[in-house]
Amino acid sequence: MTFTVEFGWWLIPALITLLAFGAAAFMSRDMGNDRFGAGAVISFGFYLMAAVASLLAWLVWALLA
């Protein structure tokens, strides 16, 4: 059994995933040491939005592939 990975348009949702989580990490880096306060909630919101964007991108890819 041979597995091959070819470059294709699956790179678009992969790029969206990397950019979304990179943006979430960038936006939540200066939240401080506020572990259970407003900063943590805002940071969680950033990562939640990144996860939703990533899942939607992969869903569109799966439906159109």
N, C-alpha and C. Protein backbone atom coordinates (compact mmCIF):
# COMPACT_ATOMS: atom_id res chain seq x y z
N MET A 1 0.85 -1.17 0.00
CA MET A 1 0.00 0.00 0.00
C MET A 1 0.90 1.24 0.00
N THR A 2 0.61 2.13 -0.89
CA THR A 2 1.42 3.34 -1.04
C THR A 2 0.56 4.56 -0.74
N PHE A 3 1.11 5.43 0.07
CA PHE A 3 0.45 6.69 0.37
C PHE A 3 1.23 7.81 -0.31
N THR A 4 0.53 8.66 -1.01
CA THR A 4 1.16 9.81 -1.63
C THR A 4 0.41 11.07 -1.21
N VAL A 5 1.16 12.10 -0.97
CA VAL A 5 0.58 13.39 -0.64
C VAL A 5 0.97 14.35 -1.77
N GLU A 6 -0.02 14.85 -2.44
CA GLU A 6 0.21 15.78 -3.53
C GLU A 6 -0.26 17.15 -3.14
N PHE A 7 0.42 18.15 -3.65
CA PHE A 7 -0.03 19.51 -3.41
C PHE A 7 -1.27 19.75 -4.24
N GLY A 8 -2.25 20.30 -3.61
CA GLY A 8 -3.51 20.56 -4.28
C GLY A 8 -4.24 21.68 -3.58
N TRP A 9 -5.52 21.73 -3.81
CA TRP A 9 -6.26 22.83 -3.21
C TRP A 9 -6.66 22.53 -1.77
N TRP A 10 -6.21 21.40 -1.19
CA TRP A 10 -6.36 21.16 0.24
C TRP A 10 -5.46 22.09 1.03
N LEU A 11 -4.51 22.73 0.36
CA LEU A 11 -3.63 23.68 1.06
C LEU A 11 -4.38 24.93 1.50
N ILE A 12 -5.49 25.26 0.83
CA ILE A 12 -6.26 26.45 1.20
C ILE A 12 -6.85 26.32 2.62
N PRO A 13 -7.57 25.24 2.95
CA PRO A 13 -8.05 25.14 4.34
C PRO A 13 -6.92 24.97 5.34
N ALA A 14 -5.82 24.34 4.94
CA ALA A 14 -4.68 24.23 5.85
C ALA A 14 -4.09 25.61 6.14
N LEU A 15 -4.03 26.45 5.12
CA LEU A 15 -3.53 27.81 5.30
C LEU A 15 -4.49 28.63 6.16
N ILE A 16 -5.79 28.46 5.94
CA ILE A 16 -6.78 29.15 6.76
C ILE A 16 -6.64 28.74 8.23
N THR A 17 -6.41 27.46 8.47
CA THR A 17 -6.22 26.97 9.84
C THR A 17 -5.00 27.61 10.48
N LEU A 18 -3.88 27.61 9.78
CA LEU A 18 -2.67 28.20 10.33
C LEU A 18 -2.81 29.69 10.58
N LEU A 19 -3.41 30.39 9.63
CA LEU A 19 -3.60 31.83 9.80
C LEU A 19 -4.57 32.16 10.93
N ALA A 20 -5.64 31.38 11.06
CA ALA A 20 -6.63 31.66 12.11
C ALA A 20 -6.03 31.44 13.50
N PHE A 21 -5.31 30.34 13.69
CA PHE A 21 -4.72 30.10 15.00
C PHE A 21 -3.53 31.01 15.26
N GLY A 22 -2.81 31.40 14.20
CA GLY A 22 -1.74 32.38 14.36
C GLY A 22 -2.29 33.74 14.78
N ALA A 23 -3.40 34.15 14.16
CA ALA A 23 -4.02 35.42 14.54
C ALA A 23 -4.56 35.36 15.96
N ALA A 24 -5.14 34.23 16.35
CA ALA A 24 -5.64 34.10 17.73
C ALA A 24 -4.50 34.17 18.73
N ALA A 25 -3.38 33.53 18.42
CA ALA A 25 -2.23 33.59 19.32
C ALA A 25 -1.68 35.01 19.38
N PHE A 26 -1.65 35.71 18.24
CA PHE A 26 -1.15 37.08 18.21
C PHE A 26 -2.05 38.02 19.01
N MET A 27 -3.37 37.87 18.87
CA MET A 27 -4.29 38.76 19.56
C MET A 27 -4.37 38.49 21.06
N SER A 28 -4.05 37.27 21.48
CA SER A 28 -4.19 36.96 22.91
C SER A 28 -2.86 36.91 23.64
N ARG A 29 -1.79 37.38 23.02
CA ARG A 29 -0.48 37.29 23.67
C ARG A 29 -0.29 38.30 24.79
N ASP A 30 -0.97 39.42 24.76
CA ASP A 30 -0.80 40.44 25.79
C ASP A 30 -1.95 40.46 26.79
N MET A 31 -2.56 39.31 27.04
CA MET A 31 -3.66 39.24 27.99
C MET A 31 -3.18 39.19 29.43
N GLY A 32 -1.91 38.95 29.64
CA GLY A 32 -1.36 38.94 30.99
C GLY A 32 -1.56 37.61 31.69
N ASN A 33 -1.42 37.62 33.00
CA ASN A 33 -1.55 36.40 33.80
C ASN A 33 -2.95 36.27 34.40
N ASP A 34 -3.92 36.79 33.73
CA ASP A 34 -5.30 36.75 34.20
C ASP A 34 -5.89 35.39 33.86
N ARG A 35 -5.79 34.43 34.77
CA ARG A 35 -6.11 33.06 34.43
C ARG A 35 -7.61 32.80 34.26
N PHE A 36 -8.44 33.34 35.12
CA PHE A 36 -9.89 33.07 35.04
C PHE A 36 -10.70 34.35 34.89
N GLY A 37 -10.09 35.42 34.43
CA GLY A 37 -10.80 36.68 34.31
C GLY A 37 -11.22 36.98 32.89
N ALA A 38 -11.41 38.25 32.63
CA ALA A 38 -11.90 38.69 31.32
C ALA A 38 -10.89 38.40 30.22
N GLY A 39 -9.60 38.52 30.52
CA GLY A 39 -8.58 38.24 29.51
C GLY A 39 -8.62 36.80 29.05
N ALA A 40 -8.85 35.89 29.98
CA ALA A 40 -8.93 34.47 29.61
C ALA A 40 -10.17 34.20 28.76
N VAL A 41 -11.27 34.87 29.07
CA VAL A 41 -12.49 34.68 28.28
C VAL A 41 -12.31 35.23 26.87
N ILE A 42 -11.68 36.37 26.74
CA ILE A 42 -11.44 36.96 25.43
C ILE A 42 -10.48 36.08 24.63
N SER A 43 -9.43 35.59 25.28
CA SER A 43 -8.49 34.69 24.62
C SER A 43 -9.18 33.41 24.16
N PHE A 44 -10.03 32.85 25.00
CA PHE A 44 -10.78 31.66 24.62
C PHE A 44 -11.68 31.95 23.43
N GLY A 45 -12.27 33.13 23.39
CA GLY A 45 -13.11 33.52 22.27
C GLY A 45 -12.33 33.59 20.97
N PHE A 46 -11.10 34.12 21.03
CA PHE A 46 -10.26 34.17 19.84
C PHE A 46 -9.98 32.76 19.31
N TYR A 47 -9.62 31.85 20.21
CA TYR A 47 -9.33 30.48 19.78
C TYR A 47 -10.59 29.75 19.32
N LEU A 48 -11.72 30.06 19.92
CA LEU A 48 -12.97 29.45 19.48
C LEU A 48 -13.33 29.90 18.07
N MET A 49 -13.15 31.20 17.79
CA MET A 49 -13.41 31.69 16.44
C MET A 49 -12.45 31.07 15.43
N ALA A 50 -11.20 30.86 15.83
CA ALA A 50 -10.23 30.22 14.94
C ALA A 50 -10.63 28.78 14.66
N ALA A 51 -11.10 28.08 15.69
CA ALA A 51 -11.52 26.69 15.50
C ALA A 51 -12.73 26.60 14.58
N VAL A 52 -13.68 27.51 14.74
CA VAL A 52 -14.87 27.51 13.88
C VAL A 52 -14.47 27.82 12.43
N ALA A 53 -13.59 28.79 12.23
CA ALA A 53 -13.14 29.11 10.87
C ALA A 53 -12.41 27.93 10.25
N SER A 54 -11.60 27.26 11.04
CA SER A 54 -10.87 26.10 10.54
C SER A 54 -11.83 24.96 10.18
N LEU A 55 -12.77 24.68 11.04
CA LEU A 55 -13.72 23.60 10.76
C LEU A 55 -14.59 23.90 9.54
N LEU A 56 -14.99 25.16 9.38
CA LEU A 56 -15.77 25.53 8.20
C LEU A 56 -14.96 25.39 6.92
N ALA A 57 -13.69 25.78 6.97
CA ALA A 57 -12.84 25.66 5.79
C ALA A 57 -12.67 24.19 5.39
N TRP A 58 -12.46 23.32 6.39
CA TRP A 58 -12.30 21.90 6.07
C TRP A 58 -13.62 21.27 5.63
N LEU A 59 -14.74 21.76 6.15
CA LEU A 59 -16.03 21.26 5.72
C LEU A 59 -16.28 21.60 4.25
N VAL A 60 -16.00 22.83 3.88
CA VAL A 60 -16.17 23.22 2.48
C VAL A 60 -15.26 22.40 1.59
N TRP A 61 -14.02 22.18 2.04
CA TRP A 61 -13.09 21.36 1.26
C TRP A 61 -13.61 19.95 1.09
N ALA A 62 -14.14 19.36 2.17
CA ALA A 62 -14.62 17.99 2.12
C ALA A 62 -15.86 17.86 1.21
N LEU A 63 -16.71 18.87 1.23
CA LEU A 63 -17.91 18.82 0.41
C LEU A 63 -17.61 19.02 -1.07
N LEU A 64 -16.59 19.78 -1.38
CA LEU A 64 -16.27 20.07 -2.77
C LEU A 64 -15.21 19.16 -3.36
N ALA A 65 -14.56 18.36 -2.52
CA ALA A 65 -13.48 17.48 -3.03
C ALA A 65 -14.06 16.24 -3.68
